[in-house]
């Protein structure tokens, strides 16, 4: 009978770890990595502080978990968008996703972008590299869509689109103006619509 208890314990541990990762992503986004404590994340995950150390030994491990959570969300979004048959529609779906997150952007900026900017102020070669890797995943996916559309310089177009998102998130946050996201997303959608298929 002990074999039936083990999977339940394993499932419970996995669920607790997942809650901690989700809480880390949320709390670090709202407060920033430097201001966030392990206790803040434990409280948000409804896990006793002492239990956190079983899963994550340091705050940096929790920040890395937050980045992993951002990557997981990106992968879920991309796999959903990849079901659309046309790269133009995929790109517009990405922009619609950004528009749908406008209130979050107004309050806290882009989850990955703000964390990357904060971690970029640390010594090089640590979590800053990991944050850059997550942003690179988005850039590569966007570049692939422009390439499939037959556009020249897909890398440059990807930088333009993702850079526009980062810029609108920063400005919407700084100005506390959701209209920035609405206007920029409408402009970007019209830009994508202007491309003829190859």
N, C-alpha and C. Protein backbone atom coordinates (compact mmCIF):
# COMPACT_ATOMS: atom_id res chain seq x y z
N UNK A 1 0.81 -1.20 0.00
CA UNK A 1 0.00 0.00 0.00
C UNK A 1 0.85 1.27 0.00
N UNK A 2 2.10 1.17 0.43
CA UNK A 2 2.94 2.37 0.49
C UNK A 2 3.21 2.93 -0.91
N UNK A 3 3.14 2.06 -1.93
CA UNK A 3 3.39 2.55 -3.28
C UNK A 3 2.33 3.56 -3.73
N UNK A 4 1.09 3.47 -3.20
CA UNK A 4 0.06 4.43 -3.58
C UNK A 4 0.27 5.78 -2.88
N UNK A 5 0.90 5.77 -1.68
CA UNK A 5 1.17 7.03 -0.98
C UNK A 5 2.29 7.80 -1.66
N UNK A 6 3.28 7.10 -2.20
CA UNK A 6 4.44 7.76 -2.80
C UNK A 6 4.05 8.66 -3.98
N UNK A 7 3.24 8.16 -4.94
CA UNK A 7 2.85 9.05 -6.03
C UNK A 7 2.09 10.28 -5.54
N UNK A 8 1.23 10.10 -4.51
CA UNK A 8 0.50 11.25 -3.98
C UNK A 8 1.46 12.26 -3.37
N UNK A 9 2.46 11.78 -2.65
CA UNK A 9 3.45 12.67 -2.05
C UNK A 9 4.26 13.37 -3.15
N UNK A 10 4.60 12.63 -4.18
CA UNK A 10 5.35 13.21 -5.30
C UNK A 10 4.51 14.26 -6.01
N UNK A 11 3.22 13.95 -6.22
CA UNK A 11 2.33 14.92 -6.86
C UNK A 11 2.20 16.18 -6.02
N UNK A 12 2.07 15.99 -4.70
CA UNK A 12 1.94 17.13 -3.79
C UNK A 12 3.20 17.99 -3.83
N UNK A 13 4.37 17.35 -3.84
CA UNK A 13 5.64 18.10 -3.92
C UNK A 13 5.74 18.84 -5.24
N UNK A 14 5.32 18.19 -6.31
CA UNK A 14 5.34 18.84 -7.63
C UNK A 14 4.41 20.03 -7.67
N UNK A 15 3.24 19.89 -7.07
CA UNK A 15 2.27 20.99 -7.05
C UNK A 15 2.80 22.15 -6.21
N UNK A 16 3.47 21.84 -5.10
CA UNK A 16 4.03 22.88 -4.24
C UNK A 16 5.14 23.64 -4.99
N UNK A 17 5.99 22.88 -5.67
CA UNK A 17 7.06 23.51 -6.45
C UNK A 17 6.48 24.41 -7.55
N UNK A 18 5.44 23.93 -8.23
CA UNK A 18 4.78 24.71 -9.29
C UNK A 18 4.19 25.99 -8.70
N UNK A 19 3.53 25.89 -7.52
CA UNK A 19 2.98 27.09 -6.86
C UNK A 19 4.06 28.10 -6.54
N UNK A 20 5.20 27.60 -6.08
CA UNK A 20 6.32 28.49 -5.75
C UNK A 20 6.85 29.18 -7.01
N UNK A 21 6.94 28.43 -8.10
CA UNK A 21 7.43 29.02 -9.35
C UNK A 21 6.47 30.10 -9.87
N UNK A 22 5.17 29.79 -9.82
CA UNK A 22 4.18 30.77 -10.27
C UNK A 22 4.18 32.00 -9.37
N UNK A 23 4.29 31.78 -8.07
CA UNK A 23 4.34 32.91 -7.13
C UNK A 23 5.60 33.73 -7.35
N UNK A 24 6.72 33.07 -7.60
CA UNK A 24 7.97 33.80 -7.86
C UNK A 24 7.82 34.69 -9.08
N UNK A 25 7.25 34.15 -10.15
CA UNK A 25 7.07 34.95 -11.37
C UNK A 25 6.19 36.16 -11.10
N UNK A 26 5.11 35.95 -10.36
CA UNK A 26 4.17 37.04 -10.08
C UNK A 26 4.77 38.09 -9.14
N UNK A 27 5.33 37.64 -8.03
CA UNK A 27 5.84 38.58 -7.03
C UNK A 27 7.06 39.34 -7.55
N UNK A 28 7.95 38.64 -8.23
CA UNK A 28 9.14 39.31 -8.78
C UNK A 28 8.73 40.33 -9.82
N UNK A 29 7.69 40.02 -10.62
CA UNK A 29 7.21 40.99 -11.61
C UNK A 29 6.63 42.23 -10.92
N UNK A 30 5.87 42.03 -9.87
CA UNK A 30 5.23 43.16 -9.19
C UNK A 30 6.21 43.99 -8.36
N UNK A 31 7.18 43.33 -7.71
CA UNK A 31 8.05 44.03 -6.76
C UNK A 31 9.48 44.23 -7.25
N UNK A 32 9.88 43.45 -8.26
CA UNK A 32 11.28 43.47 -8.67
C UNK A 32 12.07 42.41 -7.91
N UNK A 33 13.13 41.93 -8.51
CA UNK A 33 13.92 40.85 -7.91
C UNK A 33 14.60 41.30 -6.62
N UNK A 34 15.12 42.51 -6.62
CA UNK A 34 15.90 42.97 -5.45
C UNK A 34 15.01 43.19 -4.22
N UNK A 35 13.79 43.67 -4.42
CA UNK A 35 12.90 43.97 -3.29
C UNK A 35 12.15 42.74 -2.80
N UNK A 36 12.12 41.68 -3.59
CA UNK A 36 11.37 40.48 -3.23
C UNK A 36 12.17 39.62 -2.26
N UNK A 37 11.49 39.12 -1.25
CA UNK A 37 12.14 38.19 -0.30
C UNK A 37 11.57 36.79 -0.50
N UNK A 38 12.29 35.82 0.03
CA UNK A 38 11.78 34.44 -0.01
C UNK A 38 10.46 34.37 0.75
N UNK A 39 10.34 35.11 1.83
CA UNK A 39 9.09 35.12 2.60
C UNK A 39 7.93 35.65 1.77
N UNK A 40 8.17 36.67 0.93
CA UNK A 40 7.11 37.20 0.06
C UNK A 40 6.58 36.11 -0.87
N UNK A 41 7.51 35.35 -1.44
CA UNK A 41 7.12 34.30 -2.39
C UNK A 41 6.42 33.17 -1.65
N UNK A 42 6.92 32.80 -0.49
CA UNK A 42 6.29 31.75 0.31
C UNK A 42 4.85 32.14 0.66
N UNK A 43 4.66 33.38 1.07
CA UNK A 43 3.33 33.88 1.43
C UNK A 43 2.38 33.81 0.22
N UNK A 44 2.87 34.26 -0.94
CA UNK A 44 2.03 34.24 -2.15
C UNK A 44 1.68 32.82 -2.58
N UNK A 45 2.60 31.89 -2.36
CA UNK A 45 2.38 30.49 -2.75
C UNK A 45 1.64 29.70 -1.68
N UNK A 46 1.44 30.34 -0.51
CA UNK A 46 0.82 29.67 0.64
C UNK A 46 1.60 28.42 1.04
N UNK A 47 2.92 28.63 1.13
CA UNK A 47 3.85 27.56 1.53
C UNK A 47 4.64 28.10 2.72
N UNK A 48 4.81 27.31 3.80
CA UNK A 48 5.63 27.79 4.91
C UNK A 48 7.05 28.13 4.44
N UNK A 49 7.59 29.23 4.97
CA UNK A 49 8.91 29.70 4.53
C UNK A 49 9.96 28.59 4.64
N UNK A 50 9.92 27.85 5.72
CA UNK A 50 10.91 26.78 5.90
C UNK A 50 10.85 25.74 4.81
N UNK A 51 9.66 25.50 4.25
CA UNK A 51 9.52 24.50 3.17
C UNK A 51 10.11 24.97 1.86
N UNK A 52 10.21 26.28 1.67
CA UNK A 52 10.73 26.82 0.41
C UNK A 52 12.14 26.30 0.16
N UNK A 53 12.93 26.23 1.22
CA UNK A 53 14.35 25.84 1.08
C UNK A 53 14.52 24.40 0.62
N UNK A 54 13.48 23.59 0.76
CA UNK A 54 13.53 22.22 0.24
C UNK A 54 13.58 22.24 -1.29
N UNK A 55 12.93 23.24 -1.89
CA UNK A 55 12.83 23.34 -3.36
C UNK A 55 13.84 24.32 -3.95
N UNK A 56 14.06 25.43 -3.25
CA UNK A 56 14.93 26.49 -3.74
C UNK A 56 15.82 26.96 -2.60
N UNK A 57 17.12 26.84 -2.76
CA UNK A 57 18.06 27.14 -1.68
C UNK A 57 18.31 28.63 -1.49
N UNK A 58 18.20 29.41 -2.59
CA UNK A 58 18.50 30.84 -2.52
C UNK A 58 17.43 31.65 -3.24
N UNK A 59 17.43 32.93 -3.00
CA UNK A 59 16.50 33.80 -3.70
C UNK A 59 16.81 33.79 -5.20
N UNK A 60 18.08 33.73 -5.57
CA UNK A 60 18.42 33.69 -6.99
C UNK A 60 17.85 32.45 -7.67
N UNK A 61 17.78 31.34 -6.95
CA UNK A 61 17.14 30.15 -7.53
C UNK A 61 15.65 30.41 -7.78
N UNK A 62 15.02 31.19 -6.90
CA UNK A 62 13.62 31.55 -7.12
C UNK A 62 13.47 32.53 -8.28
N UNK A 63 14.42 33.44 -8.44
CA UNK A 63 14.38 34.35 -9.59
C UNK A 63 14.56 33.55 -10.87
N UNK A 64 15.47 32.57 -10.86
CA UNK A 64 15.63 31.68 -12.01
C UNK A 64 14.34 30.92 -12.28
N UNK A 65 13.64 30.51 -11.22
CA UNK A 65 12.35 29.83 -11.38
C UNK A 65 11.32 30.76 -12.00
N UNK A 66 11.36 32.04 -11.63
CA UNK A 66 10.45 33.02 -12.24
C UNK A 66 10.72 33.12 -13.74
N UNK A 67 11.99 33.15 -14.12
CA UNK A 67 12.33 33.18 -15.55
C UNK A 67 11.85 31.92 -16.26
N UNK A 68 11.99 30.77 -15.59
CA UNK A 68 11.49 29.52 -16.17
C UNK A 68 9.98 29.58 -16.38
N UNK A 69 9.31 30.22 -15.44
CA UNK A 69 7.86 30.36 -15.55
C UNK A 69 7.50 31.28 -16.72
N UNK A 70 8.26 32.36 -16.91
CA UNK A 70 8.03 33.24 -18.07
C UNK A 70 8.24 32.45 -19.36
N UNK A 71 9.28 31.62 -19.38
CA UNK A 71 9.55 30.79 -20.56
C UNK A 71 8.40 29.81 -20.80
N UNK A 72 7.89 29.22 -19.74
CA UNK A 72 6.77 28.27 -19.88
C UNK A 72 5.55 28.97 -20.47
N UNK A 73 5.25 30.19 -19.99
CA UNK A 73 4.11 30.94 -20.53
C UNK A 73 4.34 31.28 -22.00
N UNK A 74 5.56 31.66 -22.34
CA UNK A 74 5.88 31.96 -23.74
C UNK A 74 5.70 30.72 -24.60
N UNK A 75 6.18 29.57 -24.14
CA UNK A 75 6.04 28.33 -24.91
C UNK A 75 4.57 27.95 -25.09
N UNK A 76 3.75 28.15 -24.06
CA UNK A 76 2.31 27.86 -24.18
C UNK A 76 1.68 28.79 -25.23
N UNK A 77 2.02 30.07 -25.18
CA UNK A 77 1.48 31.03 -26.13
C UNK A 77 1.89 30.68 -27.55
N UNK A 78 3.17 30.39 -27.73
CA UNK A 78 3.69 30.08 -29.07
C UNK A 78 3.06 28.81 -29.62
N UNK A 79 2.89 27.79 -28.77
CA UNK A 79 2.29 26.56 -29.29
C UNK A 79 0.82 26.79 -29.66
N UNK A 80 0.15 27.68 -28.93
CA UNK A 80 -1.22 28.05 -29.30
C UNK A 80 -1.24 28.82 -30.63
N UNK A 81 -0.34 29.78 -30.77
CA UNK A 81 -0.28 30.57 -32.01
C UNK A 81 0.14 29.72 -33.20
N UNK A 82 0.98 28.73 -32.97
CA UNK A 82 1.45 27.88 -34.07
C UNK A 82 0.33 27.04 -34.68
N UNK A 83 -0.81 26.97 -34.02
CA UNK A 83 -1.96 26.26 -34.59
C UNK A 83 -2.60 27.06 -35.72
N UNK A 84 -2.34 28.36 -35.74
CA UNK A 84 -2.88 29.19 -36.82
C UNK A 84 -2.08 28.92 -38.10
N UNK A 85 -2.76 28.77 -39.23
CA UNK A 85 -2.06 28.35 -40.45
C UNK A 85 -1.19 29.44 -41.09
N UNK A 86 -1.49 30.70 -40.82
CA UNK A 86 -0.82 31.81 -41.51
C UNK A 86 0.10 32.58 -40.57
N UNK A 87 1.36 32.80 -40.96
CA UNK A 87 2.28 33.54 -40.07
C UNK A 87 1.81 34.96 -39.76
N UNK A 88 1.09 35.57 -40.69
CA UNK A 88 0.57 36.91 -40.43
C UNK A 88 -0.43 36.86 -39.27
N UNK A 89 -1.30 35.84 -39.29
CA UNK A 89 -2.28 35.69 -38.22
C UNK A 89 -1.59 35.35 -36.90
N UNK A 90 -0.50 34.58 -36.97
CA UNK A 90 0.25 34.26 -35.74
C UNK A 90 0.82 35.53 -35.12
N UNK A 91 1.41 36.38 -35.95
CA UNK A 91 1.98 37.63 -35.45
C UNK A 91 0.89 38.53 -34.87
N UNK A 92 -0.24 38.60 -35.55
CA UNK A 92 -1.35 39.42 -35.04
C UNK A 92 -1.90 38.82 -33.75
N UNK A 93 -1.88 37.49 -33.63
CA UNK A 93 -2.29 36.85 -32.39
C UNK A 93 -1.36 37.21 -31.24
N UNK A 94 -0.06 37.29 -31.54
CA UNK A 94 0.91 37.71 -30.53
C UNK A 94 0.59 39.13 -30.07
N UNK A 95 0.33 40.01 -31.01
CA UNK A 95 0.00 41.41 -30.69
C UNK A 95 -1.30 41.48 -29.88
N UNK A 96 -2.29 40.66 -30.25
CA UNK A 96 -3.54 40.62 -29.48
C UNK A 96 -3.27 40.18 -28.04
N UNK A 97 -2.34 39.23 -27.88
CA UNK A 97 -1.96 38.79 -26.53
C UNK A 97 -1.36 39.92 -25.73
N UNK A 98 -0.52 40.72 -26.38
CA UNK A 98 0.06 41.89 -25.70
C UNK A 98 -1.04 42.86 -25.29
N UNK A 99 -1.99 43.10 -26.22
CA UNK A 99 -3.09 44.02 -25.92
C UNK A 99 -3.91 43.50 -24.73
N UNK A 100 -4.08 42.19 -24.66
CA UNK A 100 -4.84 41.59 -23.57
C UNK A 100 -4.15 41.70 -22.22
N UNK A 101 -2.85 41.95 -22.23
CA UNK A 101 -2.08 42.10 -20.99
C UNK A 101 -1.80 43.57 -20.66
N UNK A 102 -2.53 44.47 -21.29
CA UNK A 102 -2.20 45.90 -21.16
C UNK A 102 -2.27 46.40 -19.72
N UNK A 103 -3.25 45.95 -18.95
CA UNK A 103 -3.37 46.43 -17.57
C UNK A 103 -2.16 46.01 -16.74
N UNK A 104 -1.68 44.81 -17.00
CA UNK A 104 -0.46 44.33 -16.34
C UNK A 104 0.74 45.18 -16.74
N UNK A 105 0.83 45.49 -18.04
CA UNK A 105 1.93 46.33 -18.53
C UNK A 105 1.88 47.72 -17.92
N UNK A 106 0.68 48.28 -17.81
CA UNK A 106 0.53 49.61 -17.23
C UNK A 106 1.02 49.62 -15.79
N UNK A 107 0.69 48.57 -15.06
CA UNK A 107 1.05 48.54 -13.64
C UNK A 107 2.50 48.15 -13.39
N UNK A 108 3.02 47.17 -14.17
CA UNK A 108 4.33 46.62 -13.84
C UNK A 108 5.29 46.48 -15.02
N UNK A 109 4.88 46.82 -16.24
CA UNK A 109 5.74 46.64 -17.41
C UNK A 109 5.70 45.19 -17.89
N UNK A 110 6.54 44.88 -18.88
CA UNK A 110 6.64 43.51 -19.41
C UNK A 110 7.31 42.61 -18.38
N UNK A 111 6.72 41.45 -18.06
CA UNK A 111 7.32 40.59 -17.03
C UNK A 111 8.79 40.24 -17.30
N UNK A 112 9.08 39.79 -18.50
CA UNK A 112 10.46 39.37 -18.81
C UNK A 112 11.35 40.58 -19.04
N UNK A 113 10.84 41.58 -19.73
CA UNK A 113 11.64 42.76 -20.04
C UNK A 113 12.07 43.53 -18.80
N UNK A 114 11.15 43.74 -17.86
CA UNK A 114 11.52 44.48 -16.66
C UNK A 114 12.52 43.69 -15.81
N UNK A 115 12.33 42.36 -15.78
CA UNK A 115 13.27 41.53 -15.02
C UNK A 115 14.64 41.52 -15.69
N UNK A 116 14.66 41.45 -17.02
CA UNK A 116 15.93 41.48 -17.75
C UNK A 116 16.66 42.79 -17.51
N UNK A 117 15.92 43.91 -17.51
CA UNK A 117 16.54 45.21 -17.26
C UNK A 117 17.13 45.28 -15.85
N UNK A 118 16.40 44.73 -14.88
CA UNK A 118 16.89 44.74 -13.50
C UNK A 118 18.12 43.84 -13.35
N UNK A 119 18.04 42.65 -13.90
CA UNK A 119 19.16 41.71 -13.79
C UNK A 119 20.37 42.17 -14.59
N UNK A 120 20.15 42.96 -15.62
CA UNK A 120 21.24 43.49 -16.42
C UNK A 120 22.14 44.44 -15.65
N UNK A 121 21.68 44.91 -14.50
CA UNK A 121 22.48 45.81 -13.67
C UNK A 121 23.43 45.04 -12.75
N UNK A 122 23.27 43.72 -12.72
CA UNK A 122 24.15 42.88 -11.91
C UNK A 122 25.42 42.56 -12.71
N UNK A 123 26.35 41.88 -12.04
CA UNK A 123 27.54 41.42 -12.75
C UNK A 123 27.12 40.48 -13.86
N UNK A 124 27.86 40.52 -14.97
CA UNK A 124 27.52 39.69 -16.13
C UNK A 124 27.78 38.22 -15.86
N UNK A 125 27.03 37.40 -16.61
CA UNK A 125 27.28 35.97 -16.59
C UNK A 125 26.40 35.18 -15.66
N UNK A 126 25.40 35.82 -15.08
CA UNK A 126 24.52 35.12 -14.16
C UNK A 126 23.11 35.06 -14.72
N UNK A 127 22.17 35.51 -13.91
CA UNK A 127 20.76 35.47 -14.31
C UNK A 127 20.46 36.43 -15.46
N UNK A 128 21.31 37.43 -15.67
CA UNK A 128 21.12 38.34 -16.80
C UNK A 128 21.16 37.56 -18.12
N UNK A 129 22.03 36.58 -18.21
CA UNK A 129 22.15 35.75 -19.41
C UNK A 129 20.88 34.94 -19.61
N UNK A 130 20.35 34.40 -18.52
CA UNK A 130 19.12 33.60 -18.60
C UNK A 130 17.93 34.45 -19.04
N UNK A 131 17.84 35.68 -18.54
CA UNK A 131 16.76 36.58 -18.95
C UNK A 131 16.88 36.90 -20.43
N UNK A 132 18.08 37.14 -20.89
CA UNK A 132 18.30 37.40 -22.31
C UNK A 132 17.92 36.20 -23.17
N UNK A 133 18.17 35.01 -22.66
CA UNK A 133 17.84 33.79 -23.41
C UNK A 133 16.33 33.67 -23.62
N UNK A 134 15.55 34.02 -22.60
CA UNK A 134 14.09 33.94 -22.73
C UNK A 134 13.60 34.95 -23.77
N UNK A 135 14.14 36.15 -23.75
CA UNK A 135 13.75 37.15 -24.76
C UNK A 135 14.19 36.71 -26.15
N UNK A 136 15.35 36.07 -26.24
CA UNK A 136 15.84 35.56 -27.53
C UNK A 136 14.88 34.52 -28.11
N UNK A 137 14.25 33.71 -27.25
CA UNK A 137 13.28 32.72 -27.74
C UNK A 137 12.13 33.40 -28.47
N UNK A 138 11.62 34.50 -27.90
CA UNK A 138 10.55 35.25 -28.55
C UNK A 138 11.05 35.85 -29.86
N UNK A 139 12.22 36.47 -29.83
CA UNK A 139 12.77 37.07 -31.05
C UNK A 139 12.90 36.03 -32.16
N UNK A 140 13.39 34.86 -31.82
CA UNK A 140 13.59 33.81 -32.83
C UNK A 140 12.27 33.36 -33.42
N UNK A 141 11.25 33.20 -32.56
CA UNK A 141 9.94 32.80 -33.07
C UNK A 141 9.37 33.87 -34.00
N UNK A 142 9.46 35.13 -33.61
CA UNK A 142 8.95 36.23 -34.45
C UNK A 142 9.72 36.27 -35.78
N UNK A 143 11.03 36.11 -35.68
CA UNK A 143 11.86 36.09 -36.89
C UNK A 143 11.41 34.97 -37.84
N UNK A 144 11.11 33.81 -37.30
CA UNK A 144 10.63 32.69 -38.13
C UNK A 144 9.33 33.03 -38.84
N UNK A 145 8.45 33.79 -38.19
CA UNK A 145 7.18 34.18 -38.83
C UNK A 145 7.45 35.13 -40.00
N UNK A 146 8.32 36.10 -39.80
CA UNK A 146 8.65 37.02 -40.89
C UNK A 146 9.35 36.29 -42.04
N UNK A 147 10.18 35.32 -41.69
CA UNK A 147 10.86 34.53 -42.72
C UNK A 147 9.83 33.74 -43.54
N UNK A 148 8.85 33.15 -42.85
CA UNK A 148 7.81 32.40 -43.55
C UNK A 148 6.97 33.31 -44.44
N UNK A 149 6.83 34.57 -44.04
CA UNK A 149 6.12 35.55 -44.88
C UNK A 149 6.95 35.98 -46.08
N UNK A 150 8.22 35.56 -46.11
CA UNK A 150 9.09 35.92 -47.22
C UNK A 150 9.61 37.35 -47.14
N UNK A 151 9.61 37.93 -45.95
CA UNK A 151 10.07 39.31 -45.79
C UNK A 151 11.59 39.37 -45.75
N UNK A 152 12.16 40.39 -46.42
CA UNK A 152 13.62 40.57 -46.29
C UNK A 152 13.95 41.02 -44.86
N UNK A 153 15.12 40.66 -44.40
CA UNK A 153 15.61 41.02 -43.07
C UNK A 153 14.65 40.61 -41.95
N UNK A 154 14.31 39.32 -41.86
CA UNK A 154 13.40 38.90 -40.80
C UNK A 154 13.95 39.17 -39.39
N UNK A 155 15.27 39.13 -39.24
CA UNK A 155 15.86 39.39 -37.93
C UNK A 155 15.61 40.85 -37.51
N UNK A 156 15.80 41.76 -38.45
CA UNK A 156 15.56 43.17 -38.17
C UNK A 156 14.09 43.46 -37.88
N UNK A 157 13.20 42.81 -38.63
CA UNK A 157 11.77 42.99 -38.39
C UNK A 157 11.36 42.45 -37.02
N UNK A 158 11.97 41.33 -36.63
CA UNK A 158 11.69 40.77 -35.30
C UNK A 158 12.13 41.73 -34.21
N UNK A 159 13.31 42.32 -34.38
CA UNK A 159 13.78 43.31 -33.40
C UNK A 159 12.84 44.51 -33.33
N UNK A 160 12.33 44.93 -34.49
CA UNK A 160 11.40 46.07 -34.53
C UNK A 160 10.12 45.74 -33.77
N UNK A 161 9.56 44.55 -34.03
CA UNK A 161 8.29 44.19 -33.39
C UNK A 161 8.44 43.98 -31.88
N UNK A 162 9.42 43.19 -31.49
CA UNK A 162 9.62 42.93 -30.06
C UNK A 162 10.07 44.20 -29.35
N UNK A 163 10.90 45.00 -30.01
CA UNK A 163 11.31 46.28 -29.44
C UNK A 163 10.13 47.22 -29.24
N UNK A 164 9.18 47.19 -30.19
CA UNK A 164 7.97 48.02 -30.05
C UNK A 164 7.17 47.58 -28.82
N UNK A 165 7.10 46.27 -28.60
CA UNK A 165 6.39 45.77 -27.41
C UNK A 165 7.08 46.23 -26.13
N UNK A 166 8.40 46.07 -26.10
CA UNK A 166 9.14 46.49 -24.90
C UNK A 166 8.96 47.99 -24.66
N UNK A 167 9.03 48.76 -25.74
CA UNK A 167 8.87 50.21 -25.62
C UNK A 167 7.48 50.60 -25.15
N UNK A 168 6.46 49.97 -25.72
CA UNK A 168 5.09 50.33 -25.31
C UNK A 168 4.84 49.93 -23.86
N UNK A 169 5.42 48.79 -23.44
CA UNK A 169 5.24 48.36 -22.05
C UNK A 169 5.90 49.34 -21.10
N UNK A 170 7.10 49.77 -21.44
CA UNK A 170 7.82 50.72 -20.60
C UNK A 170 7.08 52.05 -20.53
N UNK A 171 6.64 52.56 -21.68
CA UNK A 171 5.94 53.85 -21.70
C UNK A 171 4.58 53.78 -21.02
N UNK A 172 3.84 52.69 -21.26
CA UNK A 172 2.54 52.54 -20.61
C UNK A 172 2.72 52.51 -19.11
N UNK A 173 3.78 51.83 -18.64
CA UNK A 173 4.06 51.76 -17.21
C UNK A 173 4.48 53.12 -16.67
N UNK A 174 5.38 53.79 -17.37
CA UNK A 174 5.88 55.09 -16.90
C UNK A 174 4.78 56.15 -16.89
N UNK A 175 3.91 56.12 -17.90
CA UNK A 175 2.87 57.12 -18.03
C UNK A 175 1.55 56.69 -17.37
N UNK A 176 1.50 55.40 -16.93
CA UNK A 176 0.28 54.83 -16.37
C UNK A 176 -0.90 55.04 -17.34
N UNK A 177 -0.63 54.75 -18.61
CA UNK A 177 -1.60 55.03 -19.67
C UNK A 177 -1.84 53.78 -20.53
N UNK A 178 -2.98 53.08 -20.34
CA UNK A 178 -3.28 51.91 -21.15
C UNK A 178 -3.47 52.25 -22.63
N UNK A 179 -3.79 53.50 -22.92
CA UNK A 179 -3.96 53.92 -24.31
C UNK A 179 -2.69 53.75 -25.13
N UNK A 180 -1.54 53.82 -24.48
CA UNK A 180 -0.27 53.59 -25.20
C UNK A 180 -0.27 52.19 -25.82
N UNK A 181 -0.68 51.20 -25.04
CA UNK A 181 -0.72 49.82 -25.53
C UNK A 181 -1.77 49.69 -26.62
N UNK A 182 -2.95 50.26 -26.42
CA UNK A 182 -4.01 50.17 -27.43
C UNK A 182 -3.56 50.76 -28.76
N UNK A 183 -2.99 51.95 -28.72
CA UNK A 183 -2.58 52.62 -29.96
C UNK A 183 -1.44 51.88 -30.65
N UNK A 184 -0.45 51.45 -29.87
CA UNK A 184 0.69 50.76 -30.46
C UNK A 184 0.30 49.40 -31.03
N UNK A 185 -0.56 48.68 -30.33
CA UNK A 185 -0.99 47.38 -30.85
C UNK A 185 -1.79 47.55 -32.14
N UNK A 186 -2.64 48.57 -32.21
CA UNK A 186 -3.40 48.83 -33.45
C UNK A 186 -2.43 49.18 -34.58
N UNK A 187 -1.41 49.98 -34.28
CA UNK A 187 -0.43 50.36 -35.31
C UNK A 187 0.35 49.13 -35.78
N UNK A 188 0.76 48.28 -34.84
CA UNK A 188 1.53 47.08 -35.20
C UNK A 188 0.69 46.10 -36.00
N UNK A 189 -0.59 45.98 -35.66
CA UNK A 189 -1.48 45.09 -36.41
C UNK A 189 -1.63 45.59 -37.85
N UNK A 190 -1.80 46.89 -38.02
CA UNK A 190 -1.90 47.47 -39.36
C UNK A 190 -0.60 47.25 -40.13
N UNK A 191 0.53 47.35 -39.45
CA UNK A 191 1.84 47.11 -40.07
C UNK A 191 1.91 45.67 -40.58
N UNK A 192 1.52 44.71 -39.76
CA UNK A 192 1.55 43.31 -40.16
C UNK A 192 0.60 43.08 -41.35
N UNK A 193 -0.57 43.71 -41.32
CA UNK A 193 -1.54 43.58 -42.41
C UNK A 193 -1.00 44.13 -43.72
N UNK A 194 -0.07 45.06 -43.64
CA UNK A 194 0.47 45.68 -44.87
C UNK A 194 1.41 44.76 -45.62
N UNK A 195 1.85 43.66 -45.00
CA UNK A 195 2.78 42.75 -45.67
C UNK A 195 2.02 41.81 -46.58
N UNK A 196 2.49 41.72 -47.81
CA UNK A 196 1.94 40.75 -48.74
C UNK A 196 2.59 39.40 -48.49
N UNK A 197 1.83 38.33 -48.68
CA UNK A 197 2.42 36.98 -48.53
C UNK A 197 3.41 36.74 -49.66
N UNK A 198 4.42 35.91 -49.37
CA UNK A 198 5.45 35.60 -50.39
C UNK A 198 4.85 34.75 -51.49
